[in-house]
N, C-alpha and C. Protein backbone atom coordinates (compact mmCIF):
# COMPACT_ATOMS: atom_id res chain seq x y z
N MET A 1 -39.28 19.03 21.74
CA MET A 1 -38.12 18.74 22.56
C MET A 1 -37.65 17.29 22.26
N ASN A 2 -38.59 16.38 22.10
CA ASN A 2 -38.23 14.97 21.88
C ASN A 2 -37.57 14.86 20.48
N ARG A 3 -37.91 15.60 19.53
CA ARG A 3 -37.31 15.60 18.21
C ARG A 3 -35.84 16.01 18.29
N ILE A 4 -35.59 16.99 19.06
CA ILE A 4 -34.19 17.54 19.19
C ILE A 4 -33.35 16.42 19.82
N VAL A 5 -33.82 15.79 20.89
CA VAL A 5 -33.05 14.68 21.48
C VAL A 5 -32.82 13.59 20.55
N ILE A 6 -33.81 13.21 19.79
CA ILE A 6 -33.66 12.11 18.78
C ILE A 6 -32.59 12.49 17.72
N ILE A 7 -32.71 13.75 17.28
CA ILE A 7 -31.68 14.27 16.25
C ILE A 7 -30.29 14.22 16.84
N ILE A 8 -30.11 14.68 18.05
CA ILE A 8 -28.81 14.67 18.69
C ILE A 8 -28.29 13.28 18.82
N ILE A 9 -29.14 12.34 19.25
CA ILE A 9 -28.69 10.95 19.37
C ILE A 9 -28.27 10.39 18.03
N ALA A 10 -29.09 10.70 17.02
CA ALA A 10 -28.75 10.19 15.65
C ALA A 10 -27.41 10.70 15.16
N VAL A 11 -27.17 11.96 15.38
CA VAL A 11 -25.87 12.59 14.99
C VAL A 11 -24.66 11.95 15.73
N VAL A 12 -24.88 11.67 16.95
CA VAL A 12 -23.81 11.08 17.81
C VAL A 12 -23.54 9.65 17.31
N VAL A 13 -24.60 8.91 17.03
CA VAL A 13 -24.44 7.49 16.50
C VAL A 13 -23.73 7.54 15.15
N ILE A 14 -24.08 8.47 14.30
CA ILE A 14 -23.46 8.52 12.89
C ILE A 14 -22.05 8.92 13.06
N ALA A 15 -21.74 9.93 13.92
CA ALA A 15 -20.35 10.30 14.12
C ALA A 15 -19.53 9.15 14.68
N GLY A 16 -20.08 8.42 15.60
CA GLY A 16 -19.36 7.26 16.20
C GLY A 16 -19.08 6.18 15.15
N ALA A 17 -20.08 5.89 14.30
CA ALA A 17 -19.92 4.94 13.22
C ALA A 17 -18.83 5.41 12.28
N GLY A 18 -18.84 6.64 11.90
CA GLY A 18 -17.77 7.23 11.00
C GLY A 18 -16.41 7.08 11.62
N GLY A 19 -16.32 7.40 12.89
CA GLY A 19 -15.03 7.25 13.55
C GLY A 19 -14.55 5.79 13.59
N ALA A 20 -15.51 4.88 13.80
CA ALA A 20 -15.16 3.45 13.85
C ALA A 20 -14.67 2.99 12.50
N VAL A 21 -15.38 3.39 11.39
CA VAL A 21 -14.93 3.11 10.08
C VAL A 21 -13.58 3.59 9.81
N TRP A 22 -13.27 4.81 10.13
CA TRP A 22 -11.94 5.41 9.95
C TRP A 22 -10.87 4.62 10.70
N TYR A 23 -11.17 4.28 12.01
CA TYR A 23 -10.19 3.62 12.83
C TYR A 23 -9.91 2.20 12.37
N PHE A 24 -10.97 1.42 12.03
CA PHE A 24 -10.73 -0.01 11.78
C PHE A 24 -10.40 -0.25 10.35
N PHE A 25 -10.81 0.61 9.34
CA PHE A 25 -10.52 0.39 8.01
C PHE A 25 -9.42 1.17 7.39
N LEU A 26 -9.26 2.39 7.82
CA LEU A 26 -8.23 3.23 7.21
C LEU A 26 -6.98 3.29 8.12
N GLN A 27 -7.13 3.53 9.38
CA GLN A 27 -6.03 3.65 10.29
C GLN A 27 -5.35 2.26 10.43
N ALA A 28 -6.13 1.19 10.37
CA ALA A 28 -5.52 -0.15 10.55
C ALA A 28 -4.59 -0.58 9.45
N ASP A 29 -4.79 0.06 8.26
CA ASP A 29 -3.94 -0.25 7.15
C ASP A 29 -2.62 0.53 7.13
N ALA A 30 -2.45 1.50 8.05
CA ALA A 30 -1.22 2.31 8.06
C ALA A 30 -0.07 1.41 8.43
N PRO A 31 1.11 1.60 7.93
CA PRO A 31 2.28 0.79 8.22
C PRO A 31 2.68 0.98 9.62
N ILE A 32 3.15 -0.19 10.25
CA ILE A 32 3.62 -0.15 11.65
C ILE A 32 5.04 0.26 11.64
N GLU A 33 5.39 1.11 12.56
CA GLU A 33 6.77 1.59 12.68
C GLU A 33 7.71 0.45 13.17
N ASP A 34 8.96 0.50 12.80
CA ASP A 34 9.92 -0.51 13.20
C ASP A 34 10.16 -0.35 14.69
N GLN A 35 9.92 -1.45 15.39
CA GLN A 35 10.10 -1.45 16.87
C GLN A 35 11.13 -2.46 17.27
N THR A 36 12.11 -2.72 16.41
CA THR A 36 13.11 -3.77 16.73
C THR A 36 14.23 -3.26 17.63
N GLY A 37 14.24 -1.92 17.89
CA GLY A 37 15.29 -1.37 18.69
C GLY A 37 16.61 -1.18 18.04
N GLU A 38 16.58 -1.24 16.69
CA GLU A 38 17.83 -1.01 15.96
C GLU A 38 18.22 0.47 16.04
N ASN A 39 19.49 0.72 15.96
CA ASN A 39 20.02 2.10 15.98
C ASN A 39 19.93 2.59 14.54
N ASN A 40 18.89 3.46 14.25
CA ASN A 40 18.70 3.96 12.93
C ASN A 40 19.69 5.10 12.60
N SER A 41 20.46 5.56 13.60
CA SER A 41 21.39 6.69 13.30
C SER A 41 22.72 6.25 12.79
N SER A 42 22.88 4.90 12.72
CA SER A 42 24.19 4.43 12.18
C SER A 42 24.32 4.85 10.72
N LEU A 43 25.58 4.96 10.28
CA LEU A 43 25.88 5.38 8.94
C LEU A 43 26.24 4.29 8.03
N LYS A 44 25.78 3.12 8.31
CA LYS A 44 26.06 1.96 7.47
C LYS A 44 25.27 2.10 6.14
N GLU A 45 25.77 1.42 5.20
CA GLU A 45 25.19 1.44 3.82
C GLU A 45 23.88 0.58 3.81
N PHE A 46 22.81 1.13 3.31
CA PHE A 46 21.59 0.35 3.23
C PHE A 46 21.52 -0.43 1.97
N GLU A 47 20.82 -1.53 1.96
CA GLU A 47 20.71 -2.38 0.82
C GLU A 47 19.21 -2.23 0.29
N PHE A 48 19.14 -2.05 -1.06
CA PHE A 48 17.83 -1.89 -1.60
C PHE A 48 17.64 -2.84 -2.74
N VAL A 49 16.39 -3.24 -2.96
CA VAL A 49 15.85 -3.99 -4.14
C VAL A 49 14.87 -3.12 -4.78
N ASP A 50 15.13 -2.70 -6.02
CA ASP A 50 14.31 -1.78 -6.76
C ASP A 50 13.40 -2.50 -7.72
N ILE A 51 12.11 -2.11 -7.77
CA ILE A 51 11.21 -2.56 -8.79
C ILE A 51 10.66 -1.31 -9.42
N GLU A 52 11.13 -1.09 -10.57
CA GLU A 52 10.83 0.24 -11.22
C GLU A 52 9.80 0.03 -12.33
N ASN A 53 9.10 1.13 -12.64
CA ASN A 53 8.22 1.26 -13.71
C ASN A 53 7.15 0.20 -13.81
N LEU A 54 6.41 -0.02 -12.76
CA LEU A 54 5.28 -0.90 -12.83
C LEU A 54 4.05 -0.14 -13.35
N SER A 55 3.41 -0.70 -14.30
CA SER A 55 2.19 -0.06 -14.85
C SER A 55 1.06 -1.01 -14.58
N ILE A 56 0.07 -0.55 -13.80
CA ILE A 56 -1.06 -1.34 -13.39
C ILE A 56 -2.36 -0.82 -14.12
N PRO A 57 -2.93 -1.60 -15.00
CA PRO A 57 -4.15 -1.12 -15.62
C PRO A 57 -5.32 -1.42 -14.72
N VAL A 58 -6.20 -0.39 -14.60
CA VAL A 58 -7.43 -0.57 -13.84
C VAL A 58 -8.58 -0.69 -14.83
N ILE A 59 -9.17 -1.87 -14.87
CA ILE A 59 -10.17 -2.21 -15.86
C ILE A 59 -11.52 -2.06 -15.30
N ARG A 60 -12.43 -1.28 -15.95
CA ARG A 60 -13.80 -1.14 -15.57
C ARG A 60 -14.68 -1.37 -16.81
N GLU A 61 -15.66 -2.17 -16.62
CA GLU A 61 -16.64 -2.45 -17.74
C GLU A 61 -15.99 -2.82 -19.05
N GLY A 62 -14.98 -3.68 -18.92
CA GLY A 62 -14.33 -4.20 -20.16
C GLY A 62 -13.33 -3.29 -20.87
N ARG A 63 -13.04 -2.17 -20.20
CA ARG A 63 -11.99 -1.29 -20.86
C ARG A 63 -11.07 -0.71 -19.76
N VAL A 64 -9.90 -0.25 -20.21
CA VAL A 64 -8.94 0.26 -19.26
C VAL A 64 -9.44 1.67 -18.85
N ASP A 65 -9.80 1.84 -17.63
CA ASP A 65 -10.28 3.08 -17.07
C ASP A 65 -9.12 4.07 -16.82
N ARG A 66 -8.03 3.53 -16.26
CA ARG A 66 -6.85 4.34 -15.97
C ARG A 66 -5.66 3.41 -15.77
N TYR A 67 -4.51 4.08 -15.73
CA TYR A 67 -3.25 3.34 -15.41
C TYR A 67 -2.66 3.94 -14.19
N ILE A 68 -2.03 3.11 -13.37
CA ILE A 68 -1.33 3.48 -12.23
C ILE A 68 0.19 3.12 -12.48
N MET A 69 1.06 4.10 -12.46
CA MET A 69 2.50 3.87 -12.62
C MET A 69 3.18 4.05 -11.27
N VAL A 70 4.01 3.09 -10.85
CA VAL A 70 4.58 3.08 -9.58
C VAL A 70 6.06 2.62 -9.67
N ASN A 71 6.90 3.31 -8.99
CA ASN A 71 8.31 2.95 -8.77
C ASN A 71 8.53 2.62 -7.28
N VAL A 72 8.93 1.40 -7.05
CA VAL A 72 9.00 0.90 -5.65
C VAL A 72 10.39 0.45 -5.38
N SER A 73 10.88 0.74 -4.14
CA SER A 73 12.11 0.13 -3.66
C SER A 73 11.88 -0.49 -2.22
N PHE A 74 12.50 -1.60 -2.01
CA PHE A 74 12.44 -2.21 -0.73
C PHE A 74 13.78 -2.01 -0.03
N GLU A 75 13.73 -1.46 1.18
CA GLU A 75 14.95 -1.35 1.98
C GLU A 75 15.04 -2.63 2.75
N MET A 76 16.17 -3.33 2.52
CA MET A 76 16.39 -4.68 3.13
C MET A 76 17.12 -4.51 4.47
N ARG A 77 16.98 -5.48 5.32
CA ARG A 77 17.66 -5.44 6.67
C ARG A 77 19.15 -5.55 6.58
N ASP A 78 19.65 -6.42 5.69
CA ASP A 78 21.08 -6.60 5.61
C ASP A 78 21.44 -7.16 4.24
N GLU A 79 22.76 -7.49 4.10
CA GLU A 79 23.19 -8.00 2.79
C GLU A 79 22.60 -9.34 2.47
N ALA A 80 22.39 -10.24 3.46
CA ALA A 80 21.85 -11.52 3.25
C ALA A 80 20.37 -11.36 2.78
N SER A 81 19.61 -10.42 3.35
CA SER A 81 18.30 -10.15 2.91
C SER A 81 18.22 -9.62 1.45
N LYS A 82 19.21 -8.75 1.15
CA LYS A 82 19.27 -8.24 -0.22
C LYS A 82 19.60 -9.37 -1.18
N ALA A 83 20.48 -10.25 -0.85
CA ALA A 83 20.79 -11.37 -1.71
C ALA A 83 19.56 -12.26 -1.93
N LEU A 84 18.79 -12.46 -0.86
CA LEU A 84 17.56 -13.24 -0.96
C LEU A 84 16.57 -12.50 -1.88
N GLY A 85 16.45 -11.19 -1.71
CA GLY A 85 15.53 -10.40 -2.57
C GLY A 85 15.96 -10.44 -4.02
N ASP A 86 17.29 -10.37 -4.26
CA ASP A 86 17.72 -10.45 -5.66
C ASP A 86 17.49 -11.85 -6.24
N GLU A 87 17.73 -12.90 -5.44
CA GLU A 87 17.51 -14.25 -5.89
C GLU A 87 16.04 -14.52 -6.22
N ALA A 88 15.17 -13.98 -5.36
CA ALA A 88 13.71 -14.24 -5.49
C ALA A 88 13.02 -13.04 -6.21
N PHE A 89 13.79 -12.31 -7.02
CA PHE A 89 13.25 -11.07 -7.65
C PHE A 89 11.99 -11.35 -8.48
N PRO A 90 11.96 -12.39 -9.40
CA PRO A 90 10.76 -12.62 -10.10
C PRO A 90 9.51 -12.84 -9.22
N ARG A 91 9.72 -13.65 -8.20
CA ARG A 91 8.59 -13.93 -7.22
C ARG A 91 8.19 -12.70 -6.51
N LEU A 92 9.19 -11.86 -6.13
CA LEU A 92 8.83 -10.58 -5.41
C LEU A 92 8.08 -9.63 -6.33
N LYS A 93 8.61 -9.51 -7.57
CA LYS A 93 7.92 -8.59 -8.53
C LYS A 93 6.47 -9.06 -8.85
N ASP A 94 6.28 -10.36 -9.00
CA ASP A 94 4.94 -10.98 -9.22
C ASP A 94 4.05 -10.68 -8.02
N ALA A 95 4.52 -10.78 -6.78
CA ALA A 95 3.70 -10.54 -5.56
C ALA A 95 3.32 -9.07 -5.55
N VAL A 96 4.29 -8.21 -5.83
CA VAL A 96 4.01 -6.77 -5.86
C VAL A 96 2.98 -6.41 -6.86
N PHE A 97 3.17 -6.93 -8.10
CA PHE A 97 2.25 -6.59 -9.14
C PHE A 97 0.84 -7.13 -8.85
N SER A 98 0.80 -8.36 -8.30
CA SER A 98 -0.56 -8.95 -7.97
C SER A 98 -1.24 -8.11 -6.91
N GLU A 99 -0.47 -7.70 -5.88
CA GLU A 99 -1.05 -6.93 -4.79
C GLU A 99 -1.56 -5.55 -5.29
N LEU A 100 -0.78 -4.89 -6.11
CA LEU A 100 -1.17 -3.59 -6.63
C LEU A 100 -2.40 -3.73 -7.54
N TYR A 101 -2.41 -4.75 -8.42
CA TYR A 101 -3.53 -5.01 -9.29
C TYR A 101 -4.80 -5.27 -8.45
N SER A 102 -4.70 -6.06 -7.45
CA SER A 102 -5.83 -6.39 -6.58
C SER A 102 -6.31 -5.14 -5.88
N TYR A 103 -5.40 -4.30 -5.32
CA TYR A 103 -5.79 -3.10 -4.59
C TYR A 103 -6.51 -2.16 -5.43
N PHE A 104 -5.97 -1.85 -6.63
CA PHE A 104 -6.54 -0.81 -7.51
C PHE A 104 -7.80 -1.28 -8.14
N SER A 105 -7.91 -2.58 -8.40
CA SER A 105 -9.18 -3.14 -8.99
C SER A 105 -10.32 -3.10 -8.05
N MET A 106 -10.06 -3.07 -6.73
CA MET A 106 -11.09 -3.11 -5.70
C MET A 106 -11.56 -1.70 -5.35
N GLN A 107 -10.93 -0.64 -5.84
CA GLN A 107 -11.36 0.64 -5.57
C GLN A 107 -12.73 0.97 -6.26
N LYS A 108 -13.49 1.78 -5.68
CA LYS A 108 -14.81 2.11 -6.22
C LYS A 108 -14.66 2.83 -7.55
N SER A 109 -15.66 2.56 -8.42
CA SER A 109 -15.61 3.24 -9.74
C SER A 109 -15.73 4.73 -9.58
N GLY A 110 -14.87 5.48 -10.29
CA GLY A 110 -14.83 6.93 -10.16
C GLY A 110 -13.93 7.45 -9.08
N GLU A 111 -13.44 6.57 -8.22
CA GLU A 111 -12.53 7.03 -7.16
C GLU A 111 -11.11 7.18 -7.77
N SER A 112 -10.47 8.29 -7.50
CA SER A 112 -9.14 8.51 -8.01
C SER A 112 -8.23 8.82 -6.83
N GLY A 113 -6.94 8.90 -7.15
CA GLY A 113 -5.98 9.14 -6.12
C GLY A 113 -5.37 7.84 -5.63
N ILE A 114 -4.22 7.97 -4.91
CA ILE A 114 -3.50 6.81 -4.45
C ILE A 114 -3.22 6.99 -2.99
N ASN A 115 -3.68 6.10 -2.16
CA ASN A 115 -3.46 6.14 -0.77
C ASN A 115 -2.11 5.46 -0.46
N ILE A 116 -1.08 6.33 -0.33
CA ILE A 116 0.28 5.80 -0.27
C ILE A 116 0.45 4.90 0.97
N ALA A 117 -0.12 5.29 2.14
CA ALA A 117 0.01 4.49 3.33
C ALA A 117 -0.53 3.11 3.16
N GLN A 118 -1.67 2.95 2.56
CA GLN A 118 -2.27 1.63 2.34
C GLN A 118 -1.46 0.87 1.32
N VAL A 119 -1.02 1.53 0.27
CA VAL A 119 -0.21 0.84 -0.76
C VAL A 119 1.10 0.30 -0.13
N LYS A 120 1.79 1.15 0.67
CA LYS A 120 2.97 0.69 1.29
C LYS A 120 2.80 -0.50 2.26
N ALA A 121 1.67 -0.45 3.04
CA ALA A 121 1.39 -1.59 3.91
C ALA A 121 1.12 -2.87 3.18
N ARG A 122 0.35 -2.76 2.06
CA ARG A 122 0.09 -3.94 1.26
C ARG A 122 1.32 -4.49 0.60
N LEU A 123 2.12 -3.56 0.15
CA LEU A 123 3.41 -4.06 -0.53
C LEU A 123 4.32 -4.70 0.52
N LEU A 124 4.38 -4.20 1.71
CA LEU A 124 5.11 -4.88 2.76
C LEU A 124 4.67 -6.27 3.02
N TRP A 125 3.30 -6.45 3.11
CA TRP A 125 2.71 -7.80 3.28
C TRP A 125 3.06 -8.69 2.09
N ALA A 126 3.03 -8.09 0.88
CA ALA A 126 3.31 -8.94 -0.33
C ALA A 126 4.77 -9.42 -0.30
N ALA A 127 5.69 -8.44 0.11
CA ALA A 127 7.12 -8.86 0.16
C ALA A 127 7.38 -9.90 1.22
N GLU A 128 6.66 -9.77 2.31
CA GLU A 128 6.83 -10.79 3.38
C GLU A 128 6.30 -12.15 2.91
N ARG A 129 5.23 -12.19 2.17
CA ARG A 129 4.74 -13.48 1.59
C ARG A 129 5.76 -14.03 0.55
N ALA A 130 6.40 -13.16 -0.22
CA ALA A 130 7.24 -13.60 -1.28
C ALA A 130 8.61 -14.10 -0.73
N ILE A 131 9.26 -13.35 0.19
CA ILE A 131 10.57 -13.70 0.61
C ILE A 131 10.69 -14.01 2.10
N GLY A 132 9.59 -13.93 2.81
CA GLY A 132 9.66 -14.21 4.30
C GLY A 132 9.66 -12.94 5.13
N LYS A 133 9.21 -13.15 6.36
CA LYS A 133 9.16 -11.97 7.29
C LYS A 133 10.51 -11.64 7.79
N GLY A 134 10.72 -10.36 8.11
CA GLY A 134 11.90 -9.91 8.66
C GLY A 134 13.04 -9.53 7.73
N HIS A 135 12.82 -9.62 6.44
CA HIS A 135 13.87 -9.25 5.52
C HIS A 135 13.75 -7.82 5.01
N VAL A 136 12.51 -7.30 4.95
CA VAL A 136 12.27 -5.96 4.43
C VAL A 136 12.14 -4.98 5.60
N ARG A 137 12.97 -3.94 5.61
CA ARG A 137 12.87 -2.94 6.69
C ARG A 137 11.73 -2.01 6.37
N GLN A 138 11.61 -1.47 5.14
CA GLN A 138 10.55 -0.57 4.78
C GLN A 138 10.39 -0.60 3.30
N VAL A 139 9.19 -0.08 2.88
CA VAL A 139 8.85 0.07 1.45
C VAL A 139 8.98 1.58 1.15
N ILE A 140 9.68 1.82 0.05
CA ILE A 140 9.83 3.20 -0.37
C ILE A 140 9.20 3.40 -1.77
N ILE A 141 8.20 4.23 -1.84
CA ILE A 141 7.55 4.51 -3.14
C ILE A 141 8.15 5.81 -3.64
N GLN A 142 8.92 5.62 -4.68
CA GLN A 142 9.72 6.77 -5.27
C GLN A 142 8.82 7.62 -6.16
N GLY A 143 7.76 7.04 -6.72
CA GLY A 143 6.86 7.77 -7.58
C GLY A 143 5.62 6.95 -7.78
N ALA A 144 4.46 7.66 -7.74
CA ALA A 144 3.19 6.99 -8.02
C ALA A 144 2.38 7.96 -8.77
N TYR A 145 1.97 7.54 -9.96
CA TYR A 145 1.25 8.46 -10.88
C TYR A 145 0.02 7.76 -11.41
N GLU A 146 -1.00 8.56 -11.65
CA GLU A 146 -2.25 8.01 -12.22
C GLU A 146 -2.49 8.74 -13.55
N ARG A 147 -2.91 7.89 -14.52
CA ARG A 147 -3.17 8.50 -15.86
C ARG A 147 -4.48 7.87 -16.38
N ARG A 148 -5.30 8.69 -16.92
CA ARG A 148 -6.58 8.20 -17.50
C ARG A 148 -6.34 7.27 -18.65
N GLY A 149 -7.13 6.21 -18.81
CA GLY A 149 -6.98 5.33 -19.95
C GLY A 149 -7.54 5.87 -21.15
N GLY A 150 -7.47 5.01 -22.19
CA GLY A 150 -8.05 5.49 -23.56
C GLY A 150 -9.54 5.50 -23.54
N SER A 151 -10.12 6.04 -24.50
CA SER A 151 -11.58 6.20 -24.62
C SER A 151 -12.18 5.19 -25.51
N GLY A 152 -11.62 4.05 -25.61
CA GLY A 152 -12.23 3.14 -26.59
C GLY A 152 -11.94 1.76 -26.27
């Protein structure tokens, strides 16, 4: 009887730890919805800054393990924000590339797939660091592809 109680307690503790890991590490990286109270149903023209065809090499043990290809667009708040994004485009592109390279290089070896929610959240943070908070409404990932690297 004591063994069953100990096993049940161990299962509950492990399940609680798994739930905590999911909540604090995975759920916390999900993008936060826009709560500014703007009327999203308006038919005004949106402003975008596009960063297309980024290729991020993921290097493991001195060789390219895989490539991640990403097409990203930033929906800007207004025309002034778009002008700022266009003016600071090299800095914005560098911040995006650095963030993507950092994210994919930190993945465990053998892990594949792209967590779009985490990538979008990290790209939003990178854009805020590059051009300031409040200019980017949302990050749009138009395409994200993974390709195995060469064997040599």
